Amino acid sequence: MTAMRLRTALLSASLLFAATPSLANGRFPLSQRLFQDQGNPDHFVVSATFGLLVSRDHGLNWYHVCEAALTSGIETADPLLELTTDGSMLSALVRPLRRSSDCGCTWEAVLGDGADQSLTDITKSGANTLLALARTSGPPTVFRIERSSDDGRTWSKVSDLPQNLQAFTFDAAPSNPMRVYVSVILKADPDAGMPQSVPAVLVSDDGGVNFGVPRPIQGATAVDQPYIAAVHPTDPDTLYLRTDAWTQNTETEIDEANDALFVSDDAGVSFREVLRKHAKLFGFAISPDASTVLAGYGDPVQAARDVYPEDTGIYTASAADLAFTQALNAPVSCLTWNGNGLYACFDETVGITQGGAIPPTPEGFATILAYENVKGPAACNATTCTPEWKEGREDIPAVCARLGADCDIDVTMNVLDCSSSGSPGGMGGSGGSGAAATGGAAMGGSAMAGMGAVTSGSSPGGAGGAPSGARASGGGGGEPDSGSSCGCRAPGGTGRGASFVLLALLAILGIRRRKQLTTKD
């Protein structure tokens, strides 16, 4: 275990002793998403467990947008993210949905600002139309669909979903925006002949106004939380869905990752399981010609929970038969594939490879983002963010320490060029997310044109400059100042004592040792 991997394990293990983070937040839990503004190819945004990262110079420099900019409280959830056609960002950390048109310096609440409101997912539905999956707490709890036709500035309710269900993600078919899918778990109702909870999808053919009878996901159980991975780019009836599950090993009494990929070719009438591994299915991507499907498995490094190292990596299959084989063995937290190449998020970098072949190791990907090089908060957010960046707070380490970045920053130099983007629409990608991400987003990734900052090899630097990045999770936060403050919180809640961290690390190492000594089927 390298020193950096050891540090990552220590930090991640310490978070386990806090409250479990909310998982029903659109993007696939703990995964990452990568976006590029198609109106301004130099504008990139990464959404991850530590908040947002923004670059306006094609990945040469990356700056942190903290979670306090997205919410007035400290929330244990991952931020949602979408880019609009004018390059503005829409993001939510539980509540409310906020909009920023100045690189994340200021944010305006546009939806779900009430104490009983929260946001579950957002997605695009055509050129200028966005849909939001919102929740009103009960009793009864009601999920509803909202629509915006002006790049997220104003919203109107489309419909309420049926009651007695938990909604996770939704997506509109790229080739038919009127086809809308919602992934849900139908709650147990013995009186209605349903003794246990059932994963299912809701399907609409009128843009989310009406939904038919829920369609169960055959082969999935109550522990398989369903997240939409993608809707096929040209066939609205083909739906890819991934699950988030931890199941207990009866011999070790340790929870093991048990994530699966399901596919339906008939709009959810029937499903079949095509892949399941003892790791977390963080990434999903379809090739530009739709002939190849990729799945990326990763490791959140959580104490008292086990991931099989040999099961992590990138799996590839023909879309015709979906017979997957492992092409790379290393933890992956996002995948996206477009005409510029295949992008993947690894433990310490985000990289790109071109030509269709998948390198057997992360080093085969050219680095576009090194997680340790994040330059801290932008100057516009420095007042609130700098103390959290350098010092942290009582129970959460400094953000810079969690990212492995330079703590001694000169925020006056962190100035972003927030000139307006062009008119072409933006395109987002997910790394777990659902929607393709889904947890996240439709095609599992973002289009990244003109990669002038891409380097050859895996080290930062080279042509176009070395992009920097973020690795791990961020630090604490406070009340936002006029929507522009920035504070950061470690995902999963607060840290505990060093003794707990040591125990957690020993647990992880013990699990790994047992795996080396045990032959698995």
Protein backbone atom coordinates (compact mmCIF):
# COMPACT_ATOMS: atom_id res chain seq x y z
CA MET A 1 0.00 0.00 0.00
CA THR A 2 1.53 3.31 -1.10
CA ALA A 3 1.82 6.21 1.31
CA MET A 4 -0.91 8.11 -0.53
CA ARG A 5 -3.21 5.07 -0.60
CA LEU A 6 -2.56 4.58 3.12
CA ARG A 7 -3.48 8.19 3.78
CA THR A 8 -6.62 7.85 1.70
CA ALA A 9 -7.58 4.73 3.65
CA LEU A 10 -7.04 6.49 6.97
CA LEU A 11 -9.14 9.48 5.98
CA SER A 12 -11.94 7.40 4.53
CA ALA A 13 -11.95 5.03 7.47
CA SER A 14 -12.33 7.88 9.94
CA LEU A 15 -15.54 8.97 8.23
CA LEU A 16 -17.22 5.67 8.89
CA PHE A 17 -17.87 6.46 12.49
CA ALA A 18 -20.15 9.31 11.49
CA ALA A 19 -23.72 9.12 10.28
CA THR A 20 -24.31 7.24 7.04
CA PRO A 21 -24.69 9.74 4.17
CA SER A 22 -27.97 10.14 2.36
CA LEU A 23 -27.93 8.04 -0.79
CA ALA A 24 -31.09 9.17 -2.58
CA ASN A 25 -29.47 12.16 -4.25
CA GLY A 26 -29.43 11.48 -7.97
CA ARG A 27 -25.79 10.78 -8.58
CA PHE A 28 -24.72 7.23 -7.74
CA PRO A 29 -23.49 7.32 -4.11
CA LEU A 30 -19.80 8.27 -3.67
CA SER A 31 -19.10 8.31 -7.39
CA GLN A 32 -17.88 11.30 -9.42
CA ARG A 33 -19.20 13.18 -12.44
CA LEU A 34 -17.33 15.15 -15.06
CA PHE A 35 -18.95 17.91 -17.15
CA GLN A 36 -17.78 20.09 -20.03
CA ASP A 37 -19.60 23.21 -21.20
CA GLN A 38 -20.14 22.75 -24.93
CA GLY A 39 -20.60 26.49 -25.36
CA ASN A 40 -17.16 27.04 -23.82
CA PRO A 41 -14.88 23.99 -24.18
CA ASP A 42 -12.47 25.41 -21.60
CA HIS A 43 -15.11 25.21 -18.85
CA PHE A 44 -15.06 21.97 -16.84
CA VAL A 45 -16.88 21.02 -13.65
CA VAL A 46 -16.36 17.95 -11.48
CA SER A 47 -18.98 16.91 -8.93
CA ALA A 48 -17.77 14.62 -6.14
CA THR A 49 -18.14 13.84 -2.45
CA PHE A 50 -16.06 16.89 -1.51
CA GLY A 51 -18.21 19.41 -3.43
CA LEU A 52 -17.48 20.87 -6.86
CA LEU A 53 -14.28 21.61 -8.78
CA VAL A 54 -14.29 24.25 -11.51
CA SER A 55 -11.78 24.95 -14.28
CA ARG A 56 -12.12 27.76 -16.82
CA ASP A 57 -8.79 27.20 -18.60
CA HIS A 58 -9.25 23.72 -20.04
CA GLY A 59 -8.09 21.93 -16.91
CA LEU A 60 -4.93 23.93 -16.34
CA ASN A 61 -6.15 25.11 -12.91
CA TRP A 62 -8.92 23.73 -10.70
CA TYR A 63 -10.69 25.54 -7.84
CA HIS A 64 -12.95 24.28 -5.09
CA VAL A 65 -16.59 25.32 -4.76
CA CYS A 66 -17.54 24.38 -1.22
CA GLU A 67 -20.73 22.80 -0.03
CA ALA A 68 -21.83 25.77 2.06
CA ALA A 69 -22.35 27.62 -1.22
CA LEU A 70 -25.04 25.06 -2.07
CA THR A 71 -26.91 24.85 1.21
CA SER A 72 -27.39 26.84 4.41
CA GLY A 73 -26.65 23.81 6.58
CA ILE A 74 -24.20 20.95 6.79
CA GLU A 75 -25.71 18.05 4.88
CA THR A 76 -24.49 14.47 4.63
CA ALA A 77 -25.07 14.00 0.91
CA ASP A 78 -23.37 14.28 -2.46
CA PRO A 79 -24.10 17.37 -4.60
CA LEU A 80 -26.24 17.11 -7.70
CA LEU A 81 -24.96 18.95 -10.76
CA GLU A 82 -26.09 19.91 -14.25
CA LEU A 83 -24.84 22.47 -16.79
CA THR A 84 -27.32 24.61 -18.72
CA THR A 85 -27.07 25.69 -22.35
CA ASP A 86 -25.60 29.07 -21.34
CA GLY A 87 -22.89 27.47 -19.20
CA SER A 88 -24.55 28.14 -15.85
CA MET A 89 -24.39 25.52 -13.13
CA LEU A 90 -27.35 23.98 -11.33
CA SER A 91 -26.51 22.17 -8.12
CA ALA A 92 -28.14 21.01 -4.92
CA LEU A 93 -26.92 19.53 -1.67
CA VAL A 94 -30.21 18.14 -0.39
CA ARG A 95 -31.85 21.61 -0.54
CA PRO A 96 -32.36 23.94 -2.29
CA LEU A 97 -31.57 23.70 -6.00
CA ARG A 98 -29.31 26.67 -6.72
CA ARG A 99 -28.16 28.29 -9.94
CA SER A 100 -24.84 30.04 -10.60
CA SER A 101 -23.85 31.93 -13.75
CA ASP A 102 -20.48 33.19 -12.43
CA CYS A 103 -18.31 30.10 -11.94
CA GLY A 104 -19.90 29.25 -8.60
CA CYS A 105 -19.10 32.58 -6.92
CA THR A 106 -22.75 33.37 -6.23
CA TRP A 107 -25.74 31.06 -6.13
CA GLU A 108 -29.46 31.79 -6.35
CA ALA A 109 -32.05 29.39 -4.93
CA VAL A 110 -34.47 28.44 -7.71
CA LEU A 111 -36.33 25.39 -6.37
CA GLY A 112 -37.04 23.51 -3.13
CA ASP A 113 -36.12 26.22 -0.62
CA GLY A 114 -38.61 25.13 2.05
CA ALA A 115 -37.66 23.28 5.23
CA ASP A 116 -39.74 20.29 4.11
CA GLN A 117 -38.24 20.24 0.60
CA SER A 118 -35.28 18.35 -0.87
CA LEU A 119 -33.90 17.53 -4.33
CA THR A 120 -33.35 13.96 -5.44
CA ASP A 121 -32.18 14.30 -9.06
CA ILE A 122 -31.96 16.66 -12.03
CA THR A 123 -31.68 15.80 -15.71
CA LYS A 124 -31.93 17.31 -19.18
CA SER A 125 -34.93 16.72 -21.40
CA GLY A 126 -34.19 18.29 -24.76
CA ALA A 127 -32.21 21.41 -25.70
CA ASN A 128 -33.32 23.99 -23.12
CA THR A 129 -35.54 21.88 -20.89
CA LEU A 130 -34.56 20.45 -17.51
CA LEU A 131 -36.48 18.17 -15.17
CA ALA A 132 -36.04 17.94 -11.40
CA LEU A 133 -37.13 15.15 -9.07
CA ALA A 134 -38.09 16.85 -5.82
CA ARG A 135 -39.35 15.57 -2.47
CA THR A 136 -41.73 16.98 0.11
CA SER A 137 -41.33 15.35 3.51
CA GLY A 138 -44.41 13.90 5.09
CA PRO A 139 -46.39 12.49 6.31
CA PRO A 140 -46.99 11.52 3.67
CA THR A 141 -43.74 11.87 1.76
CA VAL A 142 -44.44 12.91 -1.83
CA PHE A 143 -42.04 12.90 -4.78
CA ARG A 144 -42.83 15.22 -7.66
CA ILE A 145 -41.43 16.18 -11.06
CA GLU A 146 -40.71 19.82 -11.88
CA ARG A 147 -39.86 21.29 -15.29
CA SER A 148 -37.87 24.32 -16.41
CA SER A 149 -37.84 25.63 -19.99
CA ASP A 150 -35.49 28.57 -19.35
CA ASP A 151 -32.23 26.89 -18.32
CA GLY A 152 -33.30 26.42 -14.71
CA ARG A 153 -34.31 29.98 -13.85
CA THR A 154 -37.97 29.16 -13.15
CA TRP A 155 -39.78 25.89 -12.45
CA SER A 156 -43.32 24.52 -12.56
CA LYS A 157 -44.74 21.26 -11.25
CA VAL A 158 -45.44 18.54 -13.80
CA SER A 159 -46.86 15.79 -11.58
CA ASP A 160 -46.76 13.97 -8.26
CA LEU A 161 -45.48 10.39 -8.21
CA PRO A 162 -47.56 7.67 -6.57
CA GLN A 163 -47.21 7.43 -2.81
CA ASN A 164 -45.67 4.58 -0.78
CA LEU A 165 -42.39 4.54 -2.70
CA GLN A 166 -38.82 5.82 -2.45
CA ALA A 167 -37.55 7.47 -5.63
CA PHE A 168 -33.84 7.42 -6.44
CA THR A 169 -33.13 8.73 -9.95
CA PHE A 170 -34.80 9.58 -13.22
CA ASP A 171 -33.82 10.23 -16.82
CA ALA A 172 -35.30 11.22 -20.17
CA ALA A 173 -34.47 9.23 -23.29
CA PRO A 174 -32.01 11.18 -25.52
CA SER A 175 -33.86 10.12 -28.67
CA ASN A 176 -37.34 10.81 -27.20
CA PRO A 177 -37.44 13.32 -24.32
CA MET A 178 -41.10 12.49 -23.70
CA ARG A 179 -40.01 9.04 -22.46
CA VAL A 180 -39.11 9.46 -18.79
CA TYR A 181 -37.93 6.71 -16.42
CA VAL A 182 -37.85 6.89 -12.61
CA SER A 183 -36.07 4.26 -10.49
CA VAL A 184 -37.88 3.50 -7.23
CA ILE A 185 -38.33 1.04 -4.43
CA LEU A 186 -41.96 0.17 -3.77
CA LYS A 187 -42.43 -0.03 -0.02
CA ALA A 188 -43.74 -3.26 1.52
CA ASP A 189 -47.52 -3.40 1.85
CA PRO A 190 -48.69 -6.79 3.22
CA ASP A 191 -52.34 -5.73 2.97
CA ALA A 192 -51.86 -5.25 -0.76
CA GLY A 193 -50.09 -8.59 -1.19
CA MET A 194 -46.56 -7.17 -1.22
CA PRO A 195 -44.81 -8.58 1.88
CA GLN A 196 -41.44 -6.91 1.15
CA SER A 197 -40.05 -3.90 -0.68
CA VAL A 198 -39.56 -4.24 -4.45
CA PRO A 199 -37.13 -2.33 -6.74
CA ALA A 200 -38.99 -1.06 -9.81
CA VAL A 201 -39.14 1.62 -12.50
CA LEU A 202 -41.92 4.03 -13.41
CA VAL A 203 -42.34 4.84 -17.10
CA SER A 204 -43.93 7.89 -18.71
CA ASP A 205 -44.50 8.62 -22.40
CA ASP A 206 -45.74 12.20 -21.95
CA GLY A 207 -42.78 13.90 -20.31
CA GLY A 208 -43.56 12.80 -16.76
CA VAL A 209 -47.20 13.91 -16.60
CA ASN A 210 -48.56 10.37 -16.28
CA PHE A 211 -46.94 7.09 -15.26
CA GLY A 212 -48.23 3.59 -15.77
CA VAL A 213 -48.18 0.66 -13.35
CA PRO A 214 -44.72 0.24 -11.71
CA ARG A 215 -42.53 -2.32 -13.47
CA PRO A 216 -40.56 -4.54 -11.04
CA ILE A 217 -36.87 -5.20 -11.73
CA GLN A 218 -36.74 -8.99 -12.01
CA GLY A 219 -33.78 -10.48 -10.16
CA ALA A 220 -33.28 -7.49 -7.87
CA THR A 221 -34.06 -7.74 -4.16
CA ALA A 222 -35.05 -5.22 -1.51
CA VAL A 223 -31.36 -4.51 -0.74
CA ASP A 224 -30.63 -3.54 -4.37
CA GLN A 225 -31.20 0.22 -4.43
CA PRO A 226 -31.82 1.04 -8.14
CA TYR A 227 -30.08 3.89 -10.02
CA ILE A 228 -30.50 4.60 -13.73
CA ALA A 229 -27.17 4.13 -15.50
CA ALA A 230 -28.31 5.32 -18.94
CA VAL A 231 -31.02 5.24 -21.55
CA HIS A 232 -29.71 4.07 -24.92
CA PRO A 233 -28.82 7.07 -27.12
CA THR A 234 -31.00 5.98 -30.06
CA ASP A 235 -33.41 3.38 -28.60
CA PRO A 236 -35.71 4.77 -25.86
CA ASP A 237 -36.79 1.23 -24.92
CA THR A 238 -33.30 0.13 -23.86
CA LEU A 239 -32.60 1.02 -20.25
CA TYR A 240 -29.43 0.31 -18.24
CA LEU A 241 -29.82 0.24 -14.48
CA ARG A 242 -27.29 -0.32 -11.73
CA THR A 243 -27.82 -1.19 -8.10
CA ASP A 244 -26.22 -0.15 -4.83
CA ALA A 245 -26.08 -3.01 -2.34
CA TRP A 246 -24.13 -4.23 0.70
CA THR A 247 -24.78 -7.79 1.81
CA GLN A 248 -23.39 -9.50 4.91
CA ASN A 249 -20.89 -12.34 4.55
CA THR A 250 -22.21 -15.01 6.90
CA GLU A 251 -18.72 -16.30 7.66
CA THR A 252 -16.97 -13.00 8.42
CA GLU A 253 -20.10 -11.04 9.39
CA ILE A 254 -18.67 -8.20 7.30
CA ASP A 255 -20.83 -6.30 4.80
CA GLU A 256 -19.57 -6.87 1.27
CA ALA A 257 -20.19 -4.76 -1.82
CA ASN A 258 -22.59 -6.52 -4.16
CA ASP A 259 -23.47 -4.17 -7.03
CA ALA A 260 -25.12 -5.32 -10.25
CA LEU A 261 -25.94 -4.04 -13.71
CA PHE A 262 -29.38 -4.79 -15.19
CA VAL A 263 -30.70 -4.09 -18.68
CA SER A 264 -34.17 -3.90 -20.20
CA ASP A 265 -34.85 -3.96 -23.94
CA ASP A 266 -38.60 -3.38 -23.64
CA ALA A 267 -38.95 -0.17 -21.58
CA GLY A 268 -38.79 -1.94 -18.24
CA VAL A 269 -41.33 -4.68 -18.88
CA SER A 270 -38.57 -7.21 -18.27
CA PHE A 271 -35.03 -6.99 -16.91
CA ARG A 272 -32.03 -9.28 -16.91
CA GLU A 273 -28.91 -9.11 -14.76
CA VAL A 274 -25.75 -8.96 -16.89
CA LEU A 275 -23.02 -8.21 -14.34
CA ARG A 276 -22.51 -8.40 -10.55
CA LYS A 277 -19.28 -7.94 -8.59
CA HIS A 278 -18.12 -7.54 -4.99
CA ALA A 279 -17.24 -3.88 -5.59
CA LYS A 280 -19.12 -0.61 -6.10
CA LEU A 281 -20.41 0.07 -9.61
CA PHE A 282 -19.36 3.72 -9.78
CA GLY A 283 -18.96 4.17 -13.55
CA PHE A 284 -20.92 3.40 -16.69
CA ALA A 285 -20.37 4.45 -20.31
CA ILE A 286 -21.49 3.63 -23.83
CA SER A 287 -19.17 4.07 -26.81
CA PRO A 288 -19.97 6.89 -29.26
CA ASP A 289 -21.19 4.36 -31.83
CA ALA A 290 -23.24 2.55 -29.13
CA SER A 291 -21.56 -0.77 -29.93
CA THR A 292 -19.68 -1.20 -26.63
CA VAL A 293 -20.73 -0.91 -23.00
CA LEU A 294 -18.35 -0.29 -20.09
CA ALA A 295 -18.86 -0.73 -16.35
CA GLY A 296 -16.44 0.67 -13.78
CA TYR A 297 -16.16 -0.81 -10.29
CA GLY A 298 -14.48 1.03 -7.42
CA ASP A 299 -13.76 0.98 -3.70
CA PRO A 300 -15.06 3.69 -1.30
CA VAL A 301 -12.57 2.42 1.35
CA GLN A 302 -14.99 2.14 4.26
CA ALA A 303 -14.15 0.38 7.49
CA ALA A 304 -16.30 -2.62 8.42
CA ARG A 305 -17.29 -2.92 4.75
CA ASP A 306 -15.44 -5.04 2.24
CA VAL A 307 -14.64 -4.71 -1.46
CA TYR A 308 -12.78 -7.43 -3.31
CA PRO A 309 -9.72 -5.73 -4.87
CA GLU A 310 -9.68 -8.19 -7.76
CA ASP A 311 -13.25 -7.16 -8.68
CA THR A 312 -12.50 -3.44 -9.11
CA GLY A 313 -11.73 -2.01 -12.53
CA ILE A 314 -13.19 -1.52 -16.00
CA TYR A 315 -15.33 -4.23 -17.59
CA THR A 316 -16.16 -4.19 -21.30
CA ALA A 317 -18.80 -5.94 -23.39
CA SER A 318 -20.39 -5.80 -26.80
CA ALA A 319 -23.79 -4.12 -26.64
CA ALA A 320 -25.11 -7.04 -28.66
CA ASP A 321 -24.43 -9.75 -26.07
CA LEU A 322 -23.35 -7.88 -22.88
CA ALA A 323 -20.83 -10.63 -22.05
CA PHE A 324 -18.43 -8.64 -19.86
CA THR A 325 -14.70 -9.21 -19.45
CA GLN A 326 -12.31 -7.31 -17.19
CA ALA A 327 -10.00 -4.97 -19.14
CA LEU A 328 -8.35 -3.15 -16.20
CA ASN A 329 -7.98 -4.04 -12.51
CA ALA A 330 -7.88 -0.86 -10.37
CA PRO A 331 -10.56 1.12 -8.48
CA VAL A 332 -12.64 3.38 -10.74
CA SER A 333 -15.04 6.12 -9.59
CA CYS A 334 -16.27 7.48 -12.95
CA LEU A 335 -16.34 6.65 -16.65
CA THR A 336 -17.31 8.68 -19.69
CA TRP A 337 -16.79 7.96 -23.36
CA ASN A 338 -17.23 10.34 -26.28
CA GLY A 339 -15.62 11.23 -29.59
CA ASN A 340 -12.51 12.58 -27.85
CA GLY A 341 -11.77 9.40 -25.93
CA LEU A 342 -12.50 7.41 -22.80
CA TYR A 343 -12.20 9.22 -19.46
CA ALA A 344 -11.81 7.43 -16.13
CA CYS A 345 -11.46 8.57 -12.51
CA PHE A 346 -8.88 6.67 -10.46
CA ASP A 347 -7.62 6.98 -6.88
CA GLU A 348 -5.27 9.87 -7.58
CA THR A 349 -6.01 11.06 -11.13
CA VAL A 350 -8.57 11.49 -13.87
CA GLY A 351 -7.23 10.30 -17.20
CA ILE A 352 -8.07 9.93 -20.87
CA THR A 353 -7.24 7.29 -23.45
CA GLN A 354 -7.96 7.43 -27.16
CA GLY A 355 -8.35 4.96 -29.97
CA GLY A 356 -10.86 2.63 -28.31
CA ALA A 357 -8.37 0.34 -26.57
CA ILE A 358 -8.50 0.26 -22.76
CA PRO A 359 -5.03 0.35 -21.14
CA PRO A 360 -4.48 -2.44 -18.58
CA THR A 361 -3.40 0.03 -15.85
CA PRO A 362 -4.28 3.60 -14.80
CA GLU A 363 -0.80 4.70 -15.89
CA GLY A 364 -1.86 4.04 -19.47
CA PHE A 365 -4.30 6.96 -19.27
CA ALA A 366 -3.00 10.49 -19.93
CA THR A 367 -3.64 12.62 -16.85
CA ILE A 368 -6.02 15.57 -17.16
CA LEU A 369 -6.59 16.09 -13.43
CA ALA A 370 -4.24 15.30 -10.53
CA TYR A 371 -6.22 15.32 -7.30
CA GLU A 372 -3.47 16.80 -5.14
CA ASN A 373 -3.14 19.98 -7.19
CA VAL A 374 -6.42 21.73 -6.39
CA LYS A 375 -5.60 25.40 -5.79
CA GLY A 376 -8.18 25.94 -3.06
CA PRO A 377 -11.18 28.27 -3.14
CA ALA A 378 -11.48 30.95 -5.77
CA ALA A 379 -10.86 34.51 -4.64
CA CYS A 380 -14.58 35.26 -4.75
CA ASN A 381 -15.23 32.56 -2.13
CA ALA A 382 -12.08 33.06 -0.06
CA THR A 383 -13.61 34.81 2.98
CA THR A 384 -15.55 31.75 4.07
CA CYS A 385 -13.46 29.01 2.49
CA THR A 386 -9.91 29.90 3.49
CA PRO A 387 -10.26 29.08 7.22
CA GLU A 388 -11.83 25.71 6.35
CA TRP A 389 -9.21 25.08 3.69
CA LYS A 390 -6.24 25.72 5.98
CA GLU A 391 -7.50 24.86 9.46
CA GLY A 392 -10.68 22.86 9.26
CA ARG A 393 -12.82 23.03 12.35
CA GLU A 394 -13.17 21.33 15.70
CA ASP A 395 -13.99 17.83 14.47
CA ILE A 396 -13.04 17.93 10.77
CA PRO A 397 -9.48 18.22 9.39
CA ALA A 398 -8.49 20.97 6.98
CA VAL A 399 -9.77 20.57 3.42
CA CYS A 400 -6.24 20.86 2.02
CA ALA A 401 -5.13 17.92 4.16
CA ARG A 402 -8.01 15.79 2.95
CA LEU A 403 -7.24 16.59 -0.66
CA GLY A 404 -3.49 16.20 -0.21
CA ALA A 405 -3.17 19.72 -1.63
CA ASP A 406 -1.06 22.76 -0.74
CA CYS A 407 -2.51 24.45 2.36
CA ASP A 408 -0.46 27.65 1.96
CA ILE A 409 -2.40 29.25 -0.87
CA ASP A 410 -2.59 32.83 -2.12
CA VAL A 411 -6.29 33.18 -2.82
CA THR A 412 -5.80 36.55 -4.53
CA MET A 413 -4.30 34.59 -7.43
CA ASN A 414 -7.31 32.29 -7.71
CA VAL A 415 -9.32 34.42 -10.11
CA LEU A 416 -11.60 32.76 -12.65
CA ASP A 417 -12.52 34.18 -16.03
CA CYS A 418 -16.30 33.93 -15.96
CA SER A 419 -16.99 35.30 -19.40
CA SER A 420 -20.25 34.09 -20.88
CA SER A 421 -20.41 30.75 -22.61
CA GLY A 422 -21.62 30.42 -26.18
CA SER A 423 -25.08 29.35 -27.21
CA PRO A 424 -24.54 25.60 -27.82
CA GLY A 425 -25.93 23.41 -25.09
CA GLY A 426 -23.79 21.92 -22.36
CA MET A 427 -23.36 18.23 -21.90
CA GLY A 428 -22.80 16.43 -18.63
CA GLY A 429 -21.46 13.11 -17.69
CA SER A 430 -21.57 10.96 -14.84
CA GLY A 431 -19.39 8.77 -13.14
CA GLY A 432 -21.58 7.07 -11.15
CA SER A 433 -24.18 8.71 -11.20
CA GLY A 434 -26.72 7.59 -12.12
CA ALA A 435 -27.86 8.71 -15.14
CA ALA A 436 -25.32 7.51 -16.30
CA ALA A 437 -25.12 7.93 -13.54
CA THR A 438 -27.36 7.88 -11.76
CA GLY A 439 -26.80 8.37 -9.68
CA GLY A 440 -26.06 10.50 -12.06
CA ALA A 441 -26.32 11.20 -15.59
CA ALA A 442 -27.20 10.13 -18.86
CA MET A 443 -24.20 8.84 -20.66
CA GLY A 444 -21.93 8.45 -17.68
CA GLY A 445 -19.76 11.31 -18.73
CA SER A 446 -19.20 14.58 -20.44
CA ALA A 447 -17.97 15.50 -23.86
CA MET A 448 -14.48 16.94 -23.57
CA ALA A 449 -13.48 18.56 -26.81
CA GLY A 450 -10.09 19.94 -27.68
CA MET A 451 -8.08 18.43 -24.84
CA GLY A 452 -5.22 20.91 -25.06
CA ALA A 453 -4.32 20.25 -21.44
CA VAL A 454 -4.02 16.52 -21.83
CA THR A 455 -0.57 15.20 -21.10
CA SER A 456 1.13 12.13 -22.40
CA GLY A 457 1.55 9.59 -19.68
CA SER A 458 0.07 9.75 -16.21
CA SER A 459 2.01 12.61 -14.69
CA PRO A 460 0.70 16.18 -14.54
CA GLY A 461 2.36 18.57 -16.93
CA GLY A 462 3.12 18.58 -20.60
CA ALA A 463 1.13 19.91 -23.49
CA GLY A 464 -1.23 22.66 -22.59
CA GLY A 465 -0.22 22.65 -18.95
CA ALA A 466 -0.93 20.34 -16.07
CA PRO A 467 -4.44 20.26 -14.80
CA SER A 468 -4.81 19.91 -11.11
CA GLY A 469 -7.39 18.16 -9.11
CA ALA A 470 -8.83 16.87 -5.92
CA ARG A 471 -8.58 13.61 -4.18
CA ALA A 472 -10.60 12.63 -1.08
CA SER A 473 -13.22 14.53 0.73
CA GLY A 474 -13.55 18.03 1.96
CA GLY A 475 -13.82 19.80 5.28
CA GLY A 476 -16.45 21.83 7.25
CA GLY A 477 -18.74 24.68 6.52
CA GLY A 478 -20.94 27.44 7.76
CA GLU A 479 -23.68 29.78 6.73
CA PRO A 480 -23.27 31.05 3.20
CA ASP A 481 -22.68 34.77 2.73
CA SER A 482 -25.16 36.08 0.17
CA GLY A 483 -24.92 32.76 -1.63
CA SER A 484 -21.23 33.13 -2.35
CA SER A 485 -19.61 31.76 0.77
CA CYS A 486 -17.79 28.53 0.69
CA GLY A 487 -17.13 26.01 3.40
CA CYS A 488 -16.47 22.31 3.03
CA ARG A 489 -17.58 19.24 4.88
CA ALA A 490 -16.13 15.79 4.84
CA PRO A 491 -18.62 13.38 3.29
CA GLY A 492 -20.31 11.01 5.67
CA GLY A 493 -20.19 13.36 8.63
CA THR A 494 -17.65 14.21 11.28
CA GLY A 495 -14.42 12.45 12.10
CA ARG A 496 -13.73 10.74 15.41
CA GLY A 497 -10.56 10.12 17.37
CA ALA A 498 -7.26 8.78 16.11
CA SER A 499 -7.86 5.53 17.96
CA PHE A 500 -11.03 4.93 15.95
CA VAL A 501 -9.13 5.62 12.74
CA LEU A 502 -6.45 3.11 13.71
CA LEU A 503 -9.05 0.48 14.54
CA ALA A 504 -10.80 1.13 11.23
CA LEU A 505 -7.55 0.83 9.30
CA LEU A 506 -6.69 -2.40 11.07
CA ALA A 507 -10.12 -3.71 10.16
CA ILE A 508 -9.52 -2.86 6.50
CA LEU A 509 -6.08 -4.44 6.49
CA GLY A 510 -7.45 -7.52 8.24
CA ILE A 511 -10.13 -7.91 5.63
CA ARG A 512 -7.61 -7.54 2.82
CA ARG A 513 -5.36 -10.14 4.47
CA ARG A 514 -8.25 -12.58 4.78
CA LYS A 515 -9.02 -12.07 1.13
CA GLN A 516 -5.47 -12.98 0.20
CA LEU A 517 -5.70 -16.19 2.18
CA THR A 518 -9.15 -17.18 1.02
CA THR A 519 -10.10 -18.46 -2.41
CA LYS A 520 -13.37 -16.98 -3.61
CA ASP A 521 -15.73 -18.41 -6.19
